[in-house]
Amino acid sequence: MNLCIRGGRLIDPANNIDTITDLYINDGKIAAIGSCSENANQVIDAQGLIVCPGLVDLSVSLPEPGKHQKGSISSETRAAAAGGITSLCCLPDTLPVIDSASVATLIQDLAHKDGCCNVWPIGALTQGLAGSHL
């Protein structure tokens, strides 16, 4: 699929770009900056909007596992993706606490199954977040 994003403010810190321009995407990869091919299957008007690499939220308290009544990895990652977040760093205060490889693996498995963005578990520095045993 070929996509043209027209007239957005392109911000790319890695390449020192901050300008209003067009972006042409061919088969999921950036093909051109500054002009779009006439072959675009879809055109998005981005005037007044920011076009940038995906954002990362470094401090997320996910309700799953343990607090299912407050939400799920699926609902939280859908909300994040709707706001332009492509990766979440999950704090260790889940139930159970992320203090073992098995809990981190469980969260990653749930995220791969139901998530809409990357989820990176952050391990607790001490067992059970109790502050005594590493």
Protein backbone atom coordinates (compact mmCIF):
# COMPACT_ATOMS: atom_id res chain seq x y z
CA MET A 1 0.00 0.00 0.00
CA ASN A 2 1.22 3.49 -0.84
CA LEU A 3 0.36 6.33 1.51
CA CYS A 4 0.85 10.08 1.19
CA ILE A 5 0.74 12.24 4.32
CA ARG A 6 0.35 15.84 3.12
CA GLY A 7 1.24 19.10 4.83
CA GLY A 8 2.06 17.83 8.33
CA ARG A 9 4.76 19.17 10.61
CA LEU A 10 7.40 16.47 10.29
CA ILE A 11 9.53 16.18 13.44
CA ASP A 12 12.38 13.66 13.39
CA PRO A 13 15.03 14.37 16.05
CA ALA A 14 17.30 11.58 14.80
CA ASN A 15 17.69 13.35 11.45
CA ASN A 16 17.36 16.92 12.74
CA ILE A 17 14.14 17.53 10.79
CA ASP A 18 11.44 19.96 11.88
CA THR A 19 9.52 21.23 8.87
CA ILE A 20 6.10 21.26 7.25
CA THR A 21 6.24 18.84 4.34
CA ASP A 22 4.75 15.77 2.69
CA LEU A 23 5.76 12.22 3.51
CA TYR A 24 5.42 9.34 1.05
CA ILE A 25 5.26 5.81 2.47
CA ASN A 26 5.60 2.81 0.17
CA ASP A 27 4.87 -0.67 1.55
CA GLY A 28 5.26 0.52 5.15
CA LYS A 29 8.61 2.28 4.64
CA ILE A 30 9.37 5.96 4.13
CA ALA A 31 10.10 6.38 0.42
CA ALA A 32 10.30 10.17 0.11
CA ILE A 33 10.19 13.33 2.19
CA GLY A 34 8.97 16.48 0.51
CA SER A 35 6.99 14.99 -2.34
CA CYS A 36 4.41 12.31 -2.81
CA SER A 37 4.05 9.94 -5.71
CA GLU A 38 0.91 10.15 -7.77
CA ASN A 39 0.55 6.39 -7.12
CA ALA A 40 -0.61 6.85 -3.53
CA ASN A 41 -3.56 4.62 -2.65
CA GLN A 42 -4.45 6.82 0.29
CA VAL A 43 -3.84 10.49 1.05
CA ILE A 44 -4.02 11.86 4.60
CA ASP A 45 -4.37 15.62 5.11
CA ALA A 46 -2.08 16.37 8.06
CA GLN A 47 -2.25 20.17 8.02
CA GLY A 48 -2.00 21.41 11.60
CA LEU A 49 -0.88 17.96 12.81
CA ILE A 50 2.47 16.55 13.86
CA VAL A 51 4.01 13.63 12.00
CA CYS A 52 6.79 11.98 14.02
CA PRO A 53 8.30 8.65 15.02
CA GLY A 54 6.25 6.72 17.57
CA LEU A 55 6.35 8.01 21.12
CA VAL A 56 7.44 5.99 24.17
CA ASP A 57 5.73 6.24 27.57
CA LEU A 58 8.41 5.39 30.14
CA SER A 59 6.15 5.08 33.20
CA VAL A 60 2.95 3.08 32.82
CA SER A 61 1.08 1.21 35.53
CA LEU A 62 -0.71 -1.60 33.72
CA PRO A 63 -3.67 -3.15 35.54
CA GLU A 64 -2.91 -6.62 34.21
CA PRO A 65 -2.02 -9.00 35.71
CA GLY A 66 -3.82 -8.64 39.01
CA LYS A 67 -6.18 -5.67 38.72
CA HIS A 68 -8.50 -6.81 35.91
CA GLN A 69 -11.38 -4.64 37.14
CA LYS A 70 -9.36 -1.49 36.27
CA GLY A 71 -8.60 -2.48 32.69
CA SER A 72 -6.42 -4.77 30.64
CA ILE A 73 -3.29 -4.72 28.56
CA SER A 74 -5.56 -4.69 25.52
CA SER A 75 -7.53 -1.61 26.61
CA GLU A 76 -4.47 0.29 27.85
CA THR A 77 -2.42 -0.35 24.70
CA ARG A 78 -5.39 0.61 22.48
CA ALA A 79 -5.63 3.93 24.33
CA ALA A 80 -1.88 4.47 24.05
CA ALA A 81 -1.83 3.71 20.31
CA ALA A 82 -4.72 6.13 19.73
CA GLY A 83 -2.52 8.86 21.23
CA GLY A 84 0.57 8.07 19.12
CA ILE A 85 2.34 5.94 21.72
CA THR A 86 4.06 2.92 20.15
CA SER A 87 5.86 1.55 23.22
CA LEU A 88 4.99 1.36 26.91
CA CYS A 89 7.43 0.68 29.76
CA CYS A 90 5.41 -1.13 32.43
CA LEU A 91 6.26 -0.31 36.05
CA PRO A 92 6.85 -3.33 38.33
CA ASP A 93 3.86 -2.59 40.61
CA THR A 94 1.61 -5.22 39.04
CA LEU A 95 0.05 -8.08 41.04
CA PRO A 96 2.18 -10.15 41.19
CA VAL A 97 5.14 -7.77 41.23
CA ILE A 98 7.49 -8.01 38.24
CA ASP A 99 10.34 -9.50 40.27
CA SER A 100 10.91 -12.68 38.27
CA ALA A 101 11.40 -13.65 34.65
CA SER A 102 8.13 -15.58 34.67
CA VAL A 103 6.03 -12.50 35.51
CA ALA A 104 7.84 -10.42 32.88
CA THR A 105 7.27 -13.19 30.33
CA LEU A 106 3.56 -13.37 31.26
CA ILE A 107 3.16 -9.62 30.62
CA GLN A 108 5.00 -9.86 27.31
CA ASP A 109 2.88 -12.85 26.25
CA LEU A 110 -0.34 -10.97 27.08
CA ALA A 111 0.93 -7.93 25.18
CA HIS A 112 1.83 -9.99 22.11
CA LYS A 113 -1.58 -11.65 22.20
CA ASP A 114 -3.86 -8.66 22.85
CA GLY A 115 -1.73 -5.52 22.72
CA CYS A 116 -1.71 -2.74 20.14
CA CYS A 117 1.83 -1.50 20.86
CA ASN A 118 5.10 -2.71 22.35
CA VAL A 119 5.11 -3.40 26.09
CA TRP A 120 8.44 -3.51 27.93
CA PRO A 121 8.21 -4.73 31.55
CA ILE A 122 10.52 -3.01 34.04
CA GLY A 123 11.70 -5.43 36.70
CA ALA A 124 11.59 -4.62 40.41
CA LEU A 125 14.96 -4.00 42.07
CA THR A 126 13.91 -5.95 45.16
CA GLN A 127 11.67 -8.95 45.72
CA GLY A 128 8.05 -7.92 46.10
CA LEU A 129 9.13 -4.24 46.04
CA ALA A 130 9.86 -4.72 49.76
CA GLY A 131 13.29 -3.08 49.67
CA SER A 132 15.19 -5.86 51.41
CA HIS A 133 16.27 -8.67 49.03
CA LEU A 134 17.58 -7.97 45.55
